[in-house]
């Protein structure tokens, strides 16, 4: 019906970031998908190393990435408008990441 879902907030220590959408693996329409974001950022534009995979997005288009080479699946946020220091390590693995989420 065109409504926007409530955001979830990740809070851990001094770090607070909002998540507006988990990305589908593939998009049915022209919407953002995990595979589309990966192709654009890693394969085409070579912005990220290939072991970082997007799984969620905030309201401003910043992506949440999981490090597929780490044992616990370390989670990062990529700030697309920061030219340097654009990866924020949330210092949590993907399994524990979900336990830090709360409704906004």
C-alpha atoms as a PDB file:
ATOM      1  CA  UNK A   1       0.000   0.000   0.000  1.00  0.00           C
ATOM      2  CA  UNK A   2       3.005   2.282  -0.306  1.00  0.00           C
ATOM      3  CA  UNK A   3       3.670   2.702   3.394  1.00  0.00           C
ATOM      4  CA  UNK A   4       7.185   2.788   4.807  1.00  0.00           C
ATOM      5  CA  UNK A   5       7.944   0.177   7.465  1.00  0.00           C
ATOM      6  CA  UNK A   6       9.232   1.181  10.867  1.00  0.00           C
ATOM      7  CA  UNK A   7      12.990   1.275  11.023  1.00  0.00           C
ATOM      8  CA  UNK A   8      15.040  -0.906  13.299  1.00  0.00           C
ATOM      9  CA  UNK A   9      17.910   0.605  15.214  1.00  0.00           C
ATOM     10  CA  UNK A  10      21.232  -1.111  15.873  1.00  0.00           C
ATOM     11  CA  UNK A  11      22.629   0.087  19.184  1.00  0.00           C
ATOM     12  CA  UNK A  12      25.875  -1.091  20.685  1.00  0.00           C
ATOM     13  CA  UNK A  13      27.955   1.180  22.859  1.00  0.00           C
ATOM     14  CA  UNK A  14      28.221   4.607  21.231  1.00  0.00           C
ATOM     15  CA  UNK A  15      27.226   3.245  17.801  1.00  0.00           C
ATOM     16  CA  UNK A  16      23.650   3.753  16.616  1.00  0.00           C
ATOM     17  CA  UNK A  17      22.528   3.137  13.034  1.00  0.00           C
ATOM     18  CA  UNK A  18      19.100   2.602  11.478  1.00  0.00           C
ATOM     19  CA  UNK A  19      18.108  -0.247   9.172  1.00  0.00           C
ATOM     20  CA  UNK A  20      15.200   0.376   6.859  1.00  0.00           C
ATOM     21  CA  UNK A  21      15.266  -2.724   4.690  1.00  0.00           C
ATOM     22  CA  UNK A  22      16.891  -6.115   4.425  1.00  0.00           C
ATOM     23  CA  UNK A  23      17.838  -6.656   0.812  1.00  0.00           C
ATOM     24  CA  UNK A  24      16.319  -9.500  -1.180  1.00  0.00           C
ATOM     25  CA  UNK A  25      18.893 -11.672  -2.879  1.00  0.00           C
ATOM     26  CA  UNK A  26      17.459 -10.762  -6.277  1.00  0.00           C
ATOM     27  CA  UNK A  27      14.957  -8.022  -7.050  1.00  0.00           C
ATOM     28  CA  UNK A  28      11.728  -8.889  -8.825  1.00  0.00           C
ATOM     29  CA  UNK A  29      11.458  -5.362 -10.177  1.00  0.00           C
ATOM     30  CA  UNK A  30      13.854  -2.431 -10.459  1.00  0.00           C
ATOM     31  CA  UNK A  31      14.352  -2.246  -6.687  1.00  0.00           C
ATOM     32  CA  UNK A  32      17.682  -2.652  -4.943  1.00  0.00           C
ATOM     33  CA  UNK A  33      18.825  -6.216  -4.349  1.00  0.00           C
ATOM     34  CA  UNK A  34      21.824  -7.759  -2.616  1.00  0.00           C
ATOM     35  CA  UNK A  35      23.157  -9.190  -5.879  1.00  0.00           C
ATOM     36  CA  UNK A  36      22.595  -5.905  -7.737  1.00  0.00           C
ATOM     37  CA  UNK A  37      24.440  -3.914  -5.071  1.00  0.00           C
ATOM     38  CA  UNK A  38      27.269  -6.471  -5.035  1.00  0.00           C
ATOM     39  CA  UNK A  39      27.661  -6.380  -8.816  1.00  0.00           C
ATOM     40  CA  UNK A  40      27.706  -2.586  -8.850  1.00  0.00           C
ATOM     41  CA  UNK A  41      30.072  -2.021  -5.924  1.00  0.00           C
ATOM     42  CA  UNK A  42      32.441  -4.966  -6.316  1.00  0.00           C
ATOM     43  CA  UNK A  43      32.422  -6.209  -9.872  1.00  0.00           C
ATOM     44  CA  UNK A  44      31.754  -3.018 -11.841  1.00  0.00           C
ATOM     45  CA  UNK A  45      33.064  -0.114  -9.754  1.00  0.00           C
ATOM     46  CA  UNK A  46      35.557  -2.081  -7.580  1.00  0.00           C
ATOM     47  CA  UNK A  47      34.688  -0.052  -4.484  1.00  0.00           C
ATOM     48  CA  UNK A  48      34.665  -2.993  -2.057  1.00  0.00           C
ATOM     49  CA  UNK A  49      36.744  -6.126  -1.737  1.00  0.00           C
ATOM     50  CA  UNK A  50      34.883  -9.201  -3.033  1.00  0.00           C
ATOM     51  CA  UNK A  51      34.449 -10.760   0.431  1.00  0.00           C
ATOM     52  CA  UNK A  52      32.056  -8.001   1.620  1.00  0.00           C
ATOM     53  CA  UNK A  53      28.432  -8.788   0.736  1.00  0.00           C
ATOM     54  CA  UNK A  54      25.497  -6.340   1.209  1.00  0.00           C
ATOM     55  CA  UNK A  55      22.452  -7.522   3.156  1.00  0.00           C
ATOM     56  CA  UNK A  56      20.587  -4.395   4.341  1.00  0.00           C
ATOM     57  CA  UNK A  57      20.279  -0.656   3.713  1.00  0.00           C
ATOM     58  CA  UNK A  58      19.455   2.436   5.758  1.00  0.00           C
ATOM     59  CA  UNK A  59      17.208   5.293   4.642  1.00  0.00           C
ATOM     60  CA  UNK A  60      20.101   7.202   3.072  1.00  0.00           C
ATOM     61  CA  UNK A  61      21.358   4.368   0.884  1.00  0.00           C
ATOM     62  CA  UNK A  62      24.207   3.309   3.170  1.00  0.00           C
ATOM     63  CA  UNK A  63      24.711  -0.439   3.026  1.00  0.00           C
ATOM     64  CA  UNK A  64      25.234  -3.024   5.744  1.00  0.00           C
ATOM     65  CA  UNK A  65      27.849  -5.558   4.655  1.00  0.00           C
ATOM     66  CA  UNK A  66      28.883  -8.955   5.996  1.00  0.00           C
ATOM     67  CA  UNK A  67      32.510 -10.082   5.774  1.00  0.00           C
ATOM     68  CA  UNK A  68      32.210 -13.554   4.225  1.00  0.00           C
ATOM     69  CA  UNK A  69      35.826 -14.450   4.971  1.00  0.00           C
ATOM     70  CA  UNK A  70      35.604 -13.914   8.739  1.00  0.00           C
ATOM     71  CA  UNK A  71      34.563 -16.752  11.039  1.00  0.00           C
ATOM     72  CA  UNK A  72      31.712 -14.835  12.654  1.00  0.00           C
ATOM     73  CA  UNK A  73      30.639 -12.842   9.572  1.00  0.00           C
ATOM     74  CA  UNK A  74      31.770  -9.417  10.807  1.00  0.00           C
ATOM     75  CA  UNK A  75      29.281  -6.646   9.989  1.00  0.00           C
ATOM     76  CA  UNK A  76      30.195  -3.245   8.541  1.00  0.00           C
ATOM     77  CA  UNK A  77      28.289  -0.156   7.400  1.00  0.00           C
ATOM     78  CA  UNK A  78      29.405   1.490   4.170  1.00  0.00           C
ATOM     79  CA  UNK A  79      28.844   5.267   4.120  1.00  0.00           C
ATOM     80  CA  UNK A  80      28.489   6.013   0.410  1.00  0.00           C
ATOM     81  CA  UNK A  81      29.054   9.770   0.784  1.00  0.00           C
ATOM     82  CA  UNK A  82      32.343   9.516   2.689  1.00  0.00           C
ATOM     83  CA  UNK A  83      35.343   9.515   0.323  1.00  0.00           C
ATOM     84  CA  UNK A  84      37.707   8.063   2.938  1.00  0.00           C
ATOM     85  CA  UNK A  85      37.095   6.052   6.092  1.00  0.00           C
ATOM     86  CA  UNK A  86      33.773   4.942   4.641  1.00  0.00           C
ATOM     87  CA  UNK A  87      33.579   1.516   6.341  1.00  0.00           C
ATOM     88  CA  UNK A  88      32.392   1.400   9.936  1.00  0.00           C
ATOM     89  CA  UNK A  89      33.149  -1.866  11.725  1.00  0.00           C
ATOM     90  CA  UNK A  90      30.179  -2.562  14.003  1.00  0.00           C
ATOM     91  CA  UNK A  91      32.368  -5.039  15.927  1.00  0.00           C
ATOM     92  CA  UNK A  92      29.731  -7.748  15.878  1.00  0.00           C
ATOM     93  CA  UNK A  93      29.176 -10.929  13.877  1.00  0.00           C
ATOM     94  CA  UNK A  94      26.130 -11.450  11.700  1.00  0.00           C
ATOM     95  CA  UNK A  95      24.424 -13.865  14.141  1.00  0.00           C
ATOM     96  CA  UNK A  96      24.760 -11.462  17.072  1.00  0.00           C
ATOM     97  CA  UNK A  97      23.935  -8.433  14.897  1.00  0.00           C
ATOM     98  CA  UNK A  98      20.218  -9.273  14.957  1.00  0.00           C
ATOM     99  CA  UNK A  99      20.129  -9.358  18.777  1.00  0.00           C
ATOM    100  CA  UNK A 100      21.162  -5.683  18.942  1.00  0.00           C
ATOM    101  CA  UNK A 101      18.191  -4.506  16.843  1.00  0.00           C
ATOM    102  CA  UNK A 102      15.278  -2.653  18.427  1.00  0.00           C
ATOM    103  CA  UNK A 103      12.251  -0.979  16.877  1.00  0.00           C
ATOM    104  CA  UNK A 104      12.695   2.750  16.317  1.00  0.00           C
END
